[in-house]
Amino acid sequence: MWDTADAAFTETLAAARAYYAQHGTLAAPRHATALDRAVGRWLTNIRGPGGLGKDDARAERRAAALAAIDEA
C-alpha cells in the first residue's frame, strides 16, 4: 500500500542525498536546502524523539536509509 508519509520521506531523502553529495555530510544547518527542499529543518525534525515515525519497523527502515547516506 502506498503511503503519503513514506512518499514524502523518500522525496526528502533524495534531497538529503543531494545535500550530502555537495557537502560531504548530513550535519546540515537548519536553513540548508537541496532540490528545493528544506533539508536542514527536516534533518532536525527527524532526529528528535519520534521523528522517524511511531511504527518501529518504519523507523528502523528510515534510520537505515539515513545511515546509508552518512553514518556519522
Protein backbone atom coordinates (compact mmCIF):
# COMPACT_ATOMS: atom_id res chain seq x y z
CA MET A 1 0.00 0.00 0.00
CA TRP A 2 1.26 3.46 -0.91
CA ASP A 3 1.67 5.85 1.99
CA THR A 4 1.96 9.65 1.65
CA ALA A 5 4.28 9.84 4.67
CA ASP A 6 6.64 7.30 3.09
CA ALA A 7 6.48 9.13 -0.23
CA ALA A 8 7.37 12.44 1.41
CA PHE A 9 10.20 10.78 3.36
CA THR A 10 11.58 9.23 0.17
CA GLU A 11 11.46 12.54 -1.71
CA THR A 12 13.20 14.43 1.07
CA LEU A 13 15.72 11.61 1.47
CA ALA A 14 16.67 12.20 -2.16
CA ALA A 15 17.27 15.85 -1.29
CA ALA A 16 19.39 14.74 1.67
CA ARG A 17 21.48 12.60 -0.71
CA ALA A 18 21.97 15.63 -2.95
CA TYR A 19 22.99 17.73 0.04
CA TYR A 20 25.46 15.04 1.13
CA ALA A 21 26.91 14.79 -2.37
CA GLN A 22 27.59 18.52 -2.34
CA HIS A 23 28.77 18.96 1.28
CA GLY A 24 30.04 15.53 2.35
CA THR A 25 27.90 15.50 5.49
CA LEU A 26 24.34 15.45 6.73
CA ALA A 27 25.27 17.79 9.58
CA ALA A 28 23.31 20.49 7.82
CA PRO A 29 22.35 23.83 9.33
CA ARG A 30 18.64 24.37 9.84
CA HIS A 31 18.38 26.72 6.87
CA ALA A 32 20.03 24.26 4.42
CA THR A 33 18.14 23.32 1.28
CA ALA A 34 18.67 20.88 -1.57
CA LEU A 35 16.46 20.13 -4.54
CA ASP A 36 14.09 22.87 -3.31
CA ARG A 37 13.52 21.01 -0.03
CA ALA A 38 14.24 22.28 3.50
CA VAL A 39 16.76 19.53 4.26
CA GLY A 40 18.23 21.16 7.36
CA ARG A 41 14.88 21.58 9.08
CA TRP A 42 13.83 18.06 8.04
CA LEU A 43 17.01 16.52 9.47
CA THR A 44 16.49 18.41 12.72
CA ASN A 45 12.92 17.16 12.95
CA ILE A 46 13.61 13.52 12.18
CA ARG A 47 16.49 13.38 14.68
CA GLY A 48 14.15 14.36 17.50
CA PRO A 49 12.08 11.96 19.60
CA GLY A 50 9.67 10.07 17.37
CA GLY A 51 10.93 11.90 14.29
CA LEU A 52 11.31 8.75 12.24
CA GLY A 53 7.74 7.67 12.94
CA LYS A 54 5.80 5.85 15.61
CA ASP A 55 5.95 2.49 13.89
CA ASP A 56 9.17 0.75 15.00
CA ALA A 57 9.71 -1.13 11.73
CA ARG A 58 9.22 2.03 9.68
CA ALA A 59 11.56 4.00 11.96
CA GLU A 60 14.25 1.31 11.60
CA ARG A 61 13.96 1.36 7.80
CA ARG A 62 14.21 5.15 7.77
CA ALA A 63 17.20 5.15 10.14
CA ALA A 64 18.96 2.62 7.91
CA ALA A 65 18.27 4.75 4.83
CA LEU A 66 19.83 7.76 6.53
CA ALA A 67 22.81 5.76 7.77
CA ALA A 68 23.41 4.52 4.23
CA ILE A 69 24.00 8.14 3.20
CA ASP A 70 26.12 9.30 6.13
CA GLU A 71 26.96 7.06 9.05
CA ALA A 72 28.30 9.96 11.14
